[in-house]
């Protein structure tokens, strides 16, 4: 796959993150009747979007941050899914973020210009 395609995939996913985060902030403030824990969901979406923006700019630490936030989200969904806390923090981008993580894992070497170590 040409290098441009991996960059286009990552850019398309970044645009998806930005649109969903913008929609989350819009809905948070459009019917604001008081602060609840549900108002933290757009902030979590913003964190996911910032991490993916770092992936777009080829920062490896952002890749690991995105994966760790994904594991945090899965843990919240599995262990606290029946509570409000689990609903808010366990359902940020689920299951789209699993697909995005799988895509970036497949494109890791190409996107971050990693080459396998060569033994001389």
Protein backbone atom coordinates (compact mmCIF):
# COMPACT_ATOMS: atom_id res chain seq x y z
CA UNK A 1 0.00 0.00 0.00
CA UNK A 2 1.43 3.40 -0.91
CA UNK A 3 2.40 5.64 1.97
CA UNK A 4 -0.26 8.22 1.01
CA UNK A 5 -3.03 5.73 1.72
CA UNK A 6 -2.00 5.15 5.29
CA UNK A 7 -1.85 8.92 5.85
CA UNK A 8 -5.32 9.27 4.29
CA UNK A 9 -6.74 6.54 6.55
CA UNK A 10 -5.33 8.27 9.62
CA UNK A 11 -6.62 11.66 8.43
CA UNK A 12 -10.12 10.26 7.79
CA UNK A 13 -10.19 8.77 11.29
CA UNK A 14 -9.01 12.10 12.74
CA UNK A 15 -11.83 13.90 10.93
CA UNK A 16 -14.29 11.36 12.34
CA UNK A 17 -12.97 12.04 15.85
CA UNK A 18 -13.25 15.80 15.37
CA UNK A 19 -16.82 15.61 14.04
CA UNK A 20 -18.05 13.30 16.81
CA UNK A 21 -16.31 15.39 19.48
CA UNK A 22 -17.82 18.59 18.07
CA UNK A 23 -21.24 16.97 18.08
CA UNK A 24 -20.70 15.84 21.67
CA UNK A 25 -19.85 19.36 22.81
CA UNK A 26 -22.80 20.76 20.87
CA UNK A 27 -25.26 18.36 22.50
CA UNK A 28 -23.68 18.99 25.90
CA UNK A 29 -24.38 22.71 25.74
CA UNK A 30 -27.56 22.68 23.63
CA UNK A 31 -29.77 21.26 26.36
CA UNK A 32 -27.74 22.28 29.40
CA UNK A 33 -29.83 22.13 32.53
CA UNK A 34 -27.11 21.60 35.08
CA UNK A 35 -23.84 19.76 35.45
CA UNK A 36 -24.03 15.96 35.48
CA UNK A 37 -21.48 13.20 35.01
CA UNK A 38 -22.71 12.82 31.43
CA UNK A 39 -21.04 16.13 30.64
CA UNK A 40 -17.66 14.40 30.99
CA UNK A 41 -18.21 12.31 27.84
CA UNK A 42 -17.22 15.10 25.38
CA UNK A 43 -14.11 15.77 27.45
CA UNK A 44 -13.15 12.10 27.13
CA UNK A 45 -13.87 12.32 23.40
CA UNK A 46 -11.57 15.33 23.24
CA UNK A 47 -8.80 13.29 24.88
CA UNK A 48 -9.24 10.51 22.33
CA UNK A 49 -9.22 13.10 19.53
CA UNK A 50 -6.04 14.73 20.86
CA UNK A 51 -4.34 11.34 21.05
CA UNK A 52 -5.36 10.54 17.48
CA UNK A 53 -4.12 13.95 16.33
CA UNK A 54 -0.75 12.98 17.80
CA UNK A 55 -0.90 9.75 15.81
CA UNK A 56 -1.62 11.80 12.69
CA UNK A 57 1.51 13.87 13.39
CA UNK A 58 3.48 10.62 13.89
CA UNK A 59 4.10 10.85 17.61
CA UNK A 60 4.64 7.32 18.90
CA UNK A 61 3.69 8.23 22.47
CA UNK A 62 0.22 9.21 21.17
CA UNK A 63 -0.20 5.72 19.77
CA UNK A 64 0.51 4.21 23.18
CA UNK A 65 -1.70 6.81 24.87
CA UNK A 66 -4.59 5.94 22.54
CA UNK A 67 -4.17 2.23 23.26
CA UNK A 68 -4.03 2.81 27.02
CA UNK A 69 -7.18 4.95 26.89
CA UNK A 70 -8.82 2.18 24.86
CA UNK A 71 -7.94 -0.36 27.56
CA UNK A 72 -9.25 2.04 30.21
CA UNK A 73 -12.51 2.38 28.28
CA UNK A 74 -12.84 -1.40 27.94
CA UNK A 75 -12.18 -1.89 31.65
CA UNK A 76 -14.85 0.67 32.54
CA UNK A 77 -17.31 -1.02 30.18
CA UNK A 78 -16.61 -4.51 31.53
CA UNK A 79 -16.38 -3.79 35.25
CA UNK A 80 -18.69 -0.79 35.69
CA UNK A 81 -21.03 -1.13 32.70
CA UNK A 82 -24.19 -1.25 34.82
CA UNK A 83 -23.41 1.97 36.66
CA UNK A 84 -23.54 5.56 35.41
CA UNK A 85 -19.75 5.79 35.70
CA UNK A 86 -19.39 2.82 33.34
CA UNK A 87 -21.88 4.26 30.89
CA UNK A 88 -20.00 7.54 30.61
CA UNK A 89 -16.41 6.30 30.58
CA UNK A 90 -17.01 2.89 29.01
CA UNK A 91 -18.82 4.09 25.94
CA UNK A 92 -16.80 7.00 24.58
CA UNK A 93 -16.09 5.74 21.05
CA UNK A 94 -16.86 2.05 21.55
CA UNK A 95 -16.66 -0.02 19.27
CA UNK A 96 -15.21 2.37 16.67
CA UNK A 97 -12.02 2.88 18.68
CA UNK A 98 -11.37 -0.87 18.61
CA UNK A 99 -11.50 -0.76 14.82
CA UNK A 100 -9.28 2.34 14.73
CA UNK A 101 -6.74 0.69 17.02
CA UNK A 102 -6.69 -2.39 14.83
CA UNK A 103 -6.13 -0.23 11.74
CA UNK A 104 -3.25 1.69 13.31
CA UNK A 105 -1.71 -1.56 14.54
CA UNK A 106 -1.76 -2.86 10.96
CA UNK A 107 -0.31 0.40 9.62
CA UNK A 108 2.16 1.00 12.47
CA UNK A 109 5.40 0.24 10.62
CA UNK A 110 4.30 2.11 7.53
CA UNK A 111 2.87 5.14 9.31
CA UNK A 112 5.68 5.62 11.84
CA UNK A 113 8.45 4.68 9.37
CA UNK A 114 9.59 1.74 11.48
CA UNK A 115 11.88 -0.80 9.91
CA UNK A 116 12.58 -4.23 11.30
CA UNK A 117 15.95 -4.60 13.00
CA UNK A 118 18.60 -6.15 10.80
CA UNK A 119 21.23 -8.44 12.26
CA UNK A 120 24.67 -7.89 10.75
